[in-house]
Amino acid sequence: MTVVVITGTGTEVGKTVVTAAVAAAAVAAGRSVAVLKAAQTGVAPGEPGDAEEVARLAGERVTTAEVARFPEPLAPATAARRAGLTPVAPARVAEAAEKLAAGHDLVLVEGAGGLLVRFDAAGGTLADAAGLLGAPVLIVAPAGLGTLNASELTARELRSRGLVPLGVVIGGWPQAPDLACRCNVTDLPTVTGAPLLGAVPAGAAARPPAAFRAAAPGWLAPRLGGTWDGAVFQEREGTGAGPA
């Protein structure tokens, strides 16, 4: 996998911290990594955005880039329109990712909000960019109640477009998971038809960067360059045996 697109089931579900964890694991394995933020919103010029947060956590060896940024914390199409700026077209995202892929072993393309958040007035989305790239899509989902519906809808939309859901990573696993969280460990792979590929602890971004980098491989399955064991996690945190 040269390019992986990372989407969420919505906003504030942990996309950036999962992106940082995947980047950190890849760097630890000796791979060159670039992270592309498709559309950064809610950040003024000169302020650090999600790509900079990934670099802070994963390390300076990670190349970062943005396609565009808009100052208001809105959907990219809306934020671009209100700011009078050129919106992000999926083709621009794909072109930027392909340029980075020419010089890196792995390119992670992080979306904004959920899969179908609009980038431009024509209705272009991250899903369109993934289609142009022919890239697998990693779904970041929250742990608790409500995640199953949004996760299944995201996976169904990907498949309806001929795209491959690479798997699901829980973007913030709580220290004291409730019943819904524990049941979702089993149910997320079932409803999405995609494997559970990791669980990043809630509050992981608050760790010192060196500690984050050291721990990141343990949060991710081998398919994402880590050492996380889904069966062990299911046994420890879930409510019973789930899909392999």
Protein backbone atom coordinates (compact mmCIF):
# COMPACT_ATOMS: atom_id res chain seq x y z
CA MET A 1 0.00 0.00 0.00
CA THR A 2 1.57 3.25 -1.13
CA VAL A 3 -1.43 5.51 -0.44
CA VAL A 4 -3.99 4.98 2.31
CA VAL A 5 -6.95 7.31 2.74
CA ILE A 6 -8.08 7.83 6.33
CA THR A 7 -11.67 8.85 6.95
CA GLY A 8 -13.87 9.01 10.01
CA THR A 9 -17.49 8.31 10.73
CA GLY A 10 -17.77 12.01 11.59
CA THR A 11 -15.80 14.84 13.12
CA GLU A 12 -13.80 14.58 16.34
CA VAL A 13 -13.59 10.78 16.22
CA GLY A 14 -9.80 10.53 16.33
CA LYS A 15 -8.68 10.67 12.68
CA THR A 16 -5.61 12.77 13.38
CA VAL A 17 -4.34 10.70 16.30
CA VAL A 18 -4.88 7.48 14.33
CA THR A 19 -3.08 9.01 11.35
CA ALA A 20 -0.20 9.92 13.68
CA ALA A 21 -0.10 6.41 15.11
CA VAL A 22 0.00 4.79 11.66
CA ALA A 23 2.72 7.24 10.61
CA ALA A 24 4.75 6.57 13.75
CA ALA A 25 4.54 2.80 13.29
CA ALA A 26 5.63 3.10 9.67
CA VAL A 27 8.59 5.33 10.55
CA ALA A 28 9.62 2.88 13.28
CA ALA A 29 9.65 0.16 10.61
CA GLY A 30 12.02 2.24 8.51
CA ARG A 31 9.53 3.51 5.95
CA SER A 32 9.44 7.06 4.59
CA VAL A 33 6.05 8.61 5.32
CA ALA A 34 4.10 11.62 4.09
CA VAL A 35 0.81 12.88 5.52
CA LEU A 36 -1.53 14.94 3.36
CA LYS A 37 -4.44 16.86 4.89
CA ALA A 38 -7.04 17.12 2.15
CA ALA A 39 -8.80 20.19 3.56
CA GLN A 40 -7.95 21.90 6.82
CA THR A 41 -10.75 23.98 8.29
CA GLY A 42 -11.04 26.05 11.45
CA VAL A 43 -7.39 27.12 11.41
CA ALA A 44 -6.04 30.55 10.53
CA PRO A 45 -2.99 31.08 8.30
CA GLY A 46 0.20 30.34 10.21
CA GLU A 47 -1.51 28.28 12.92
CA PRO A 48 -0.68 24.59 13.28
CA GLY A 49 -3.27 22.26 11.79
CA ASP A 50 -3.86 18.53 11.82
CA ALA A 51 -0.82 17.77 9.66
CA GLU A 52 1.42 19.62 12.09
CA GLU A 53 -0.14 17.68 14.97
CA VAL A 54 0.71 14.44 13.20
CA ALA A 55 4.32 15.61 12.78
CA ARG A 56 4.50 16.62 16.45
CA LEU A 57 3.37 13.18 17.57
CA ALA A 58 4.95 10.97 14.90
CA GLY A 59 8.20 12.88 14.55
CA GLU A 60 9.94 15.32 12.25
CA ARG A 61 10.84 12.56 9.79
CA VAL A 62 7.23 12.64 8.58
CA THR A 63 6.63 14.91 5.58
CA THR A 64 3.42 16.92 5.91
CA ALA A 65 1.33 18.89 3.44
CA GLU A 66 -2.10 20.49 3.05
CA VAL A 67 -4.08 20.91 -0.13
CA ALA A 68 -5.95 23.93 1.27
CA ARG A 69 -7.07 25.51 4.52
CA PHE A 70 -10.02 27.67 5.46
CA PRO A 71 -10.44 29.71 8.64
CA GLU A 72 -13.93 28.70 9.80
CA PRO A 73 -14.63 25.29 11.38
CA LEU A 74 -17.16 24.20 8.76
CA ALA A 75 -17.45 21.65 5.98
CA PRO A 76 -14.74 22.45 3.40
CA ALA A 77 -17.17 23.51 0.67
CA THR A 78 -19.02 25.83 3.05
CA ALA A 79 -15.82 27.20 4.57
CA ALA A 80 -14.36 27.92 1.13
CA ARG A 81 -17.53 29.65 -0.05
CA ARG A 82 -17.75 31.85 3.04
CA ALA A 83 -14.08 32.78 2.84
CA GLY A 84 -14.23 33.53 -0.88
CA LEU A 85 -11.47 31.01 -1.51
CA THR A 86 -11.04 28.33 -4.15
CA PRO A 87 -12.56 25.08 -2.90
CA VAL A 88 -10.74 21.76 -2.86
CA ALA A 89 -11.52 19.51 -5.82
CA PRO A 90 -10.94 15.76 -5.36
CA ALA A 91 -8.59 15.81 -8.35
CA ARG A 92 -6.32 18.26 -6.50
CA VAL A 93 -6.18 15.92 -3.53
CA ALA A 94 -5.36 12.95 -5.73
CA GLU A 95 -2.69 14.88 -7.63
CA ALA A 96 -1.02 16.03 -4.41
CA ALA A 97 -1.06 12.48 -3.00
CA GLU A 98 0.44 11.04 -6.18
CA LYS A 99 3.28 13.58 -6.10
CA LEU A 100 4.07 12.64 -2.50
CA ALA A 101 3.88 8.93 -3.34
CA ALA A 102 6.65 9.39 -5.89
CA GLY A 103 9.09 10.13 -3.07
CA HIS A 104 7.70 8.20 -0.10
CA ASP A 105 7.00 4.60 0.84
CA LEU A 106 3.65 5.50 2.39
CA VAL A 107 1.27 8.44 1.95
CA LEU A 108 -1.59 8.91 4.41
CA VAL A 109 -4.40 11.14 3.17
CA GLU A 110 -6.48 12.43 6.07
CA GLY A 111 -9.97 13.68 5.31
CA ALA A 112 -12.08 16.35 6.97
CA GLY A 113 -15.07 15.12 8.97
CA GLY A 114 -16.78 12.08 7.47
CA LEU A 115 -16.47 10.38 4.10
CA LEU A 116 -19.15 12.40 2.29
CA VAL A 117 -18.41 15.87 3.64
CA ARG A 118 -18.41 18.09 0.56
CA PHE A 119 -15.20 19.62 -0.68
CA ASP A 120 -16.68 21.79 -3.42
CA ALA A 121 -19.93 23.04 -4.95
CA ALA A 122 -19.95 20.12 -7.38
CA GLY A 123 -20.33 17.72 -4.47
CA GLY A 124 -16.82 16.27 -4.59
CA THR A 125 -15.78 14.31 -1.50
CA LEU A 126 -12.93 12.35 0.01
CA ALA A 127 -14.54 9.24 -1.45
CA ASP A 128 -14.06 10.71 -4.92
CA ALA A 129 -10.39 11.38 -4.17
CA ALA A 130 -9.95 7.80 -2.96
CA GLY A 131 -11.56 6.57 -6.16
CA LEU A 132 -9.18 8.60 -8.31
CA LEU A 133 -6.25 7.20 -6.36
CA GLY A 134 -7.57 3.64 -6.27
CA ALA A 135 -6.56 3.66 -2.61
CA PRO A 136 -7.86 1.59 0.29
CA VAL A 137 -9.73 3.52 2.98
CA LEU A 138 -9.18 3.15 6.71
CA ILE A 139 -12.25 3.99 8.80
CA VAL A 140 -11.76 5.67 12.17
CA ALA A 141 -14.73 5.15 14.48
CA PRO A 142 -15.56 6.15 18.04
CA ALA A 143 -15.88 3.43 20.64
CA GLY A 144 -19.30 4.04 22.14
CA LEU A 145 -23.00 4.08 21.51
CA GLY A 146 -23.97 5.25 18.02
CA THR A 147 -20.85 4.12 16.24
CA LEU A 148 -22.36 1.05 14.56
CA ASN A 149 -24.79 2.89 12.31
CA ALA A 150 -22.28 5.48 11.11
CA SER A 151 -19.56 2.87 10.62
CA GLU A 152 -21.82 0.59 8.59
CA LEU A 153 -23.03 3.47 6.42
CA THR A 154 -19.43 4.50 5.73
CA ALA A 155 -18.39 0.97 4.75
CA ARG A 156 -21.48 0.53 2.55
CA GLU A 157 -20.79 3.79 0.74
CA LEU A 158 -17.21 2.76 0.08
CA ARG A 159 -18.26 -0.57 -1.39
CA SER A 160 -21.00 1.04 -3.48
CA ARG A 161 -18.21 3.00 -5.19
CA GLY A 162 -16.00 -0.03 -5.67
CA LEU A 163 -13.63 1.11 -2.92
CA VAL A 164 -12.02 -1.18 -0.36
CA PRO A 165 -12.58 -0.59 3.37
CA LEU A 166 -9.13 -1.51 4.67
CA GLY A 167 -10.45 -1.89 8.21
CA VAL A 168 -11.62 -0.02 11.28
CA VAL A 169 -9.57 1.58 14.03
CA ILE A 170 -11.23 2.81 17.21
CA GLY A 171 -10.08 6.39 17.60
CA GLY A 172 -10.33 6.68 21.38
CA TRP A 173 -10.65 3.59 23.53
CA PRO A 174 -11.72 4.65 27.06
CA GLN A 175 -9.89 3.55 30.18
CA ALA A 176 -13.17 2.28 31.64
CA PRO A 177 -15.28 1.10 28.66
CA ASP A 178 -19.01 0.76 29.19
CA LEU A 179 -21.20 -2.06 27.90
CA ALA A 180 -21.76 -0.42 24.51
CA CYS A 181 -18.03 -0.02 23.94
CA ARG A 182 -17.34 -3.62 24.87
CA CYS A 183 -20.10 -4.92 22.60
CA ASN A 184 -18.86 -2.75 19.74
CA VAL A 185 -15.52 -4.57 19.76
CA THR A 186 -17.43 -7.57 18.41
CA ASP A 187 -20.04 -5.73 16.39
CA LEU A 188 -17.91 -3.24 14.43
CA PRO A 189 -16.28 -5.90 12.21
CA THR A 190 -19.67 -7.55 11.71
CA VAL A 191 -21.54 -4.44 10.56
CA THR A 192 -18.72 -3.05 8.42
CA GLY A 193 -17.50 -6.34 6.95
CA ALA A 194 -13.98 -5.07 7.63
CA PRO A 195 -11.49 -6.15 10.29
CA LEU A 196 -10.85 -4.24 13.48
CA LEU A 197 -7.26 -3.10 13.02
CA GLY A 198 -6.56 -1.27 16.24
CA ALA A 199 -7.67 0.81 19.16
CA VAL A 200 -5.91 4.02 20.17
CA PRO A 201 -6.34 4.88 23.86
CA ALA A 202 -8.40 7.94 24.66
CA GLY A 203 -6.12 10.86 25.45
CA ALA A 204 -3.18 9.41 23.53
CA ALA A 205 -2.39 12.77 21.94
CA ALA A 206 -1.65 14.21 25.39
CA ARG A 207 1.29 11.86 25.85
CA PRO A 208 4.82 13.18 25.32
CA PRO A 209 5.68 12.64 21.65
CA ALA A 210 8.46 10.15 22.41
CA ALA A 211 6.08 8.09 24.54
CA PHE A 212 3.42 8.28 21.81
CA ARG A 213 5.84 7.02 19.18
CA ALA A 214 7.05 4.19 21.38
CA ALA A 215 3.50 3.03 22.15
CA ALA A 216 1.90 3.52 18.70
CA PRO A 217 2.79 0.10 17.19
CA GLY A 218 1.04 -1.56 20.11
CA TRP A 219 -2.23 0.13 19.20
CA LEU A 220 -2.30 -1.11 15.60
CA ALA A 221 -2.60 -4.51 13.95
CA PRO A 222 0.26 -5.91 11.84
CA ARG A 223 -1.56 -4.88 8.65
CA LEU A 224 -0.97 -1.28 9.77
CA GLY A 225 2.61 -1.96 10.80
CA GLY A 226 1.92 -2.64 14.46
CA THR A 227 1.83 -5.49 16.95
CA TRP A 228 -1.74 -5.13 18.30
CA ASP A 229 -3.50 -8.47 18.67
CA GLY A 230 -7.23 -8.21 17.98
CA ALA A 231 -8.03 -11.56 19.58
CA VAL A 232 -6.28 -10.59 22.80
CA PHE A 233 -8.03 -7.22 22.80
CA GLN A 234 -11.40 -8.89 22.24
CA GLU A 235 -10.80 -11.28 25.10
CA ARG A 236 -9.69 -8.53 27.47
CA GLU A 237 -12.00 -5.65 26.52
CA GLY A 238 -14.94 -7.20 24.67
CA THR A 239 -17.93 -9.23 25.78
CA GLY A 240 -17.07 -12.53 24.18
CA ALA A 241 -15.51 -14.18 21.18
CA GLY A 242 -15.85 -12.14 18.03
CA PRO A 243 -14.81 -12.46 14.41
CA ALA A 244 -11.19 -13.35 13.82
